[in-house]
Amino acid sequence: MAKLQLLHVFVTLSLTLTDIALAHDSVTNIIGEARRTKDFVLEGRVYCDTCRTGFETDLTAYMPARSTTAPKSSLVGTVSQDGGLLSNVRQANALGYLIDEPSPECGELLQKYAFANDDD
C-alpha cells in the first residue's frame, strides 16, 4: 500500500513539474514573439554638401523627407532570441552630394573650422 501511495505522489509531482515547464515555455514563446520584429525601418539623412568639404557643416542643406519601398538589396538570415537588437529602427550614415561650386559663405565657415589655407 505504501508503494502505491508513493507512486501516486510521484505521478502527481511529475505532472505538476510538467505543467510548470509547459507554462514556462508558453510564456517564453509569447515574450519571444512580442520581441521579434519581421521588418525593420532604416532612417537616415541625405544632404547637399554646399562647401564641398565631404562632411556636414553649418551650411549643409538637407533634402526633404522621402519614403521609399523599393529594396536595393536583401539578406536572409537568422538571429537567435538571445542576440540582436530590440528595436526595429536602424540608423544609416548620412549620404551627401557635392555641388559644382562651393557657396560664397564657405570661406568664412572653413576659417571658423580652421580648414582655410593661409593664402586666402
C-alpha atoms as a PDB file:
ATOM      1  CA  MET A   1       0.000   0.000   0.000  1.00  0.00           C
ATOM      2  CA  ALA A   2       2.864   2.359   0.820  1.00  0.00           C
ATOM      3  CA  LYS A   3       4.361   1.749  -2.625  1.00  0.00           C
ATOM      4  CA  LEU A   4       1.044   2.683  -4.260  1.00  0.00           C
ATOM      5  CA  GLN A   5       0.821   5.919  -2.264  1.00  0.00           C
ATOM      6  CA  LEU A   6       4.426   6.750  -3.118  1.00  0.00           C
ATOM      7  CA  LEU A   7       3.691   6.116  -6.815  1.00  0.00           C
ATOM      8  CA  HIS A   8       0.645   8.417  -6.601  1.00  0.00           C
ATOM      9  CA  VAL A   9       2.784  11.184  -5.051  1.00  0.00           C
ATOM     10  CA  PHE A  10       5.465  10.688  -7.695  1.00  0.00           C
ATOM     11  CA  VAL A  11       2.942  10.863 -10.571  1.00  0.00           C
ATOM     12  CA  THR A  12       1.311  13.981  -9.083  1.00  0.00           C
ATOM     13  CA  LEU A  13       4.698  15.660  -8.635  1.00  0.00           C
ATOM     14  CA  SER A  14       5.736  14.689 -12.148  1.00  0.00           C
ATOM     15  CA  LEU A  15       2.525  16.119 -13.657  1.00  0.00           C
ATOM     16  CA  THR A  16       2.936  19.338 -11.655  1.00  0.00           C
ATOM     17  CA  LEU A  17       6.502  19.799 -12.883  1.00  0.00           C
ATOM     18  CA  THR A  18       5.367  19.133 -16.458  1.00  0.00           C
ATOM     19  CA  ASP A  19       2.624  21.769 -16.118  1.00  0.00           C
ATOM     20  CA  ILE A  20       5.150  24.292 -14.801  1.00  0.00           C
ATOM     21  CA  ALA A  21       7.527  23.537 -17.677  1.00  0.00           C
ATOM     22  CA  LEU A  22       4.749  23.905 -20.265  1.00  0.00           C
ATOM     23  CA  ALA A  23       3.575  27.170 -18.709  1.00  0.00           C
ATOM     24  CA  HIS A  24       7.151  28.491 -18.741  1.00  0.00           C
ATOM     25  CA  ASP A  25       7.563  27.539 -22.415  1.00  0.00           C
ATOM     26  CA  SER A  26       4.290  29.266 -23.296  1.00  0.00           C
ATOM     27  CA  VAL A  27       5.283  32.478 -21.527  1.00  0.00           C
ATOM     28  CA  THR A  28       8.745  32.374 -23.111  1.00  0.00           C
ATOM     29  CA  ASN A  29       7.245  31.920 -26.578  1.00  0.00           C
ATOM     30  CA  ILE A  30       4.799  34.793 -26.056  1.00  0.00           C
ATOM     31  CA  ILE A  31       7.593  37.116 -24.924  1.00  0.00           C
ATOM     32  CA  GLY A  32       9.784  35.965 -27.817  1.00  0.00           C
ATOM     33  CA  GLU A  33       7.011  36.666 -30.337  1.00  0.00           C
ATOM     34  CA  ALA A  34       6.435  40.122 -28.864  1.00  0.00           C
ATOM     35  CA  ARG A  35      10.135  40.971 -29.161  1.00  0.00           C
ATOM     36  CA  ARG A  36      10.582  39.532 -32.646  1.00  0.00           C
ATOM     37  CA  THR A  37      10.240  42.011 -35.493  1.00  0.00           C
ATOM     38  CA  LYS A  38       9.836  40.834 -39.048  1.00  0.00           C
ATOM     39  CA  ASP A  39      10.721  44.127 -40.733  1.00  0.00           C
ATOM     40  CA  PHE A  40      12.946  46.997 -39.793  1.00  0.00           C
ATOM     41  CA  VAL A  41      12.930  50.700 -40.539  1.00  0.00           C
ATOM     42  CA  LEU A  42      16.024  52.363 -41.961  1.00  0.00           C
ATOM     43  CA  GLU A  43      16.383  56.046 -41.072  1.00  0.00           C
ATOM     44  CA  GLY A  44      18.969  58.472 -42.361  1.00  0.00           C
ATOM     45  CA  ARG A  45      19.510  61.876 -43.943  1.00  0.00           C
ATOM     46  CA  VAL A  46      20.507  62.987 -47.419  1.00  0.00           C
ATOM     47  CA  TYR A  47      22.238  66.341 -47.767  1.00  0.00           C
ATOM     48  CA  CYS A  48      23.797  68.708 -50.267  1.00  0.00           C
ATOM     49  CA  ASP A  49      27.420  69.478 -49.358  1.00  0.00           C
ATOM     50  CA  THR A  50      27.348  73.212 -50.110  1.00  0.00           C
ATOM     51  CA  CYS A  51      31.017  73.739 -49.145  1.00  0.00           C
ATOM     52  CA  ARG A  52      32.416  70.586 -50.801  1.00  0.00           C
ATOM     53  CA  THR A  53      34.018  69.529 -47.505  1.00  0.00           C
ATOM     54  CA  GLY A  54      32.926  65.892 -47.534  1.00  0.00           C
ATOM     55  CA  PHE A  55      31.064  66.239 -44.233  1.00  0.00           C
ATOM     56  CA  GLU A  56      28.079  68.073 -42.772  1.00  0.00           C
ATOM     57  CA  THR A  57      28.630  71.728 -41.823  1.00  0.00           C
ATOM     58  CA  ASP A  58      26.522  74.626 -40.549  1.00  0.00           C
ATOM     59  CA  LEU A  59      25.720  75.481 -44.195  1.00  0.00           C
ATOM     60  CA  THR A  60      24.640  71.963 -45.162  1.00  0.00           C
ATOM     61  CA  ALA A  61      21.297  71.859 -46.971  1.00  0.00           C
ATOM     62  CA  TYR A  62      19.235  68.790 -46.117  1.00  0.00           C
ATOM     63  CA  MET A  63      16.978  67.284 -48.732  1.00  0.00           C
ATOM     64  CA  PRO A  64      13.288  66.881 -47.851  1.00  0.00           C
ATOM     65  CA  ALA A  65      11.998  63.654 -46.344  1.00  0.00           C
ATOM     66  CA  ARG A  66      11.026  60.932 -48.738  1.00  0.00           C
ATOM     67  CA  SER A  67       9.732  57.404 -48.249  1.00  0.00           C
ATOM     68  CA  THR A  68      10.739  54.535 -50.445  1.00  0.00           C
ATOM     69  CA  THR A  69       9.712  50.918 -50.566  1.00  0.00           C
ATOM     70  CA  ALA A  70      11.976  49.765 -53.389  1.00  0.00           C
ATOM     71  CA  PRO A  71      14.571  47.457 -51.798  1.00  0.00           C
ATOM     72  CA  LYS A  72      18.064  47.751 -53.231  1.00  0.00           C
ATOM     73  CA  SER A  73      19.394  44.613 -51.551  1.00  0.00           C
ATOM     74  CA  SER A  74      18.200  41.920 -49.209  1.00  0.00           C
ATOM     75  CA  LEU A  75      19.590  39.203 -46.989  1.00  0.00           C
ATOM     76  CA  VAL A  76      18.007  36.174 -45.393  1.00  0.00           C
ATOM     77  CA  GLY A  77      19.499  35.386 -42.009  1.00  0.00           C
ATOM     78  CA  THR A  78      18.734  34.029 -38.574  1.00  0.00           C
ATOM     79  CA  VAL A  79      19.200  35.730 -35.232  1.00  0.00           C
ATOM     80  CA  SER A  80      18.596  33.782 -32.054  1.00  0.00           C
ATOM     81  CA  GLN A  81      16.294  35.059 -29.336  1.00  0.00           C
ATOM     82  CA  ASP A  82      19.368  35.690 -27.173  1.00  0.00           C
ATOM     83  CA  GLY A  83      21.028  38.168 -29.545  1.00  0.00           C
ATOM     84  CA  GLY A  84      20.343  41.055 -31.833  1.00  0.00           C
ATOM     85  CA  LEU A  85      18.722  44.415 -31.237  1.00  0.00           C
ATOM     86  CA  LEU A  86      15.391  45.026 -29.550  1.00  0.00           C
ATOM     87  CA  SER A  87      14.428  47.985 -31.739  1.00  0.00           C
ATOM     88  CA  ASN A  88      13.327  47.609 -35.341  1.00  0.00           C
ATOM     89  CA  VAL A  89      14.765  51.054 -36.260  1.00  0.00           C
ATOM     90  CA  ARG A  90      18.234  51.197 -37.830  1.00  0.00           C
ATOM     91  CA  GLN A  91      20.244  54.392 -38.383  1.00  0.00           C
ATOM     92  CA  ALA A  92      22.191  54.809 -41.637  1.00  0.00           C
ATOM     93  CA  ASN A  93      25.110  57.163 -42.174  1.00  0.00           C
ATOM     94  CA  ALA A  94      24.176  60.435 -43.856  1.00  0.00           C
ATOM     95  CA  LEU A  95      24.508  60.447 -47.637  1.00  0.00           C
ATOM     96  CA  GLY A  96      25.969  63.642 -49.093  1.00  0.00           C
ATOM     97  CA  TYR A  97      26.061  65.027 -52.617  1.00  0.00           C
ATOM     98  CA  LEU A  98      28.583  67.659 -53.726  1.00  0.00           C
ATOM     99  CA  ILE A  99      27.592  70.804 -55.592  1.00  0.00           C
ATOM    100  CA  ASP A 100      29.739  72.023 -58.518  1.00  0.00           C
ATOM    101  CA  GLU A 101      30.988  75.217 -56.841  1.00  0.00           C
ATOM    102  CA  PRO A 102      31.146  75.936 -53.095  1.00  0.00           C
ATOM    103  CA  SER A 103      28.859  78.618 -51.693  1.00  0.00           C
ATOM    104  CA  PRO A 104      30.454  82.063 -51.109  1.00  0.00           C
ATOM    105  CA  GLU A 105      29.851  81.786 -47.337  1.00  0.00           C
ATOM    106  CA  CYS A 106      32.064  78.702 -47.109  1.00  0.00           C
ATOM    107  CA  GLY A 107      35.355  80.627 -46.822  1.00  0.00           C
ATOM    108  CA  GLU A 108      34.322  82.181 -43.525  1.00  0.00           C
ATOM    109  CA  LEU A 109      32.905  78.890 -42.284  1.00  0.00           C
ATOM    110  CA  LEU A 110      36.096  77.000 -43.126  1.00  0.00           C
ATOM    111  CA  GLN A 111      38.150  79.632 -41.279  1.00  0.00           C
ATOM    112  CA  LYS A 112      35.921  79.036 -38.276  1.00  0.00           C
ATOM    113  CA  TYR A 113      36.644  75.309 -38.623  1.00  0.00           C
ATOM    114  CA  ALA A 114      40.384  76.114 -39.160  1.00  0.00           C
ATOM    115  CA  PHE A 115      40.395  74.470 -42.612  1.00  0.00           C
ATOM    116  CA  ALA A 116      41.149  77.565 -44.699  1.00  0.00           C
ATOM    117  CA  ASN A 117      44.500  77.977 -46.452  1.00  0.00           C
ATOM    118  CA  ASP A 118      46.821  80.705 -45.213  1.00  0.00           C
ATOM    119  CA  ASP A 119      46.817  82.111 -48.773  1.00  0.00           C
ATOM    120  CA  ASP A 120      43.090  83.022 -48.573  1.00  0.00           C
END
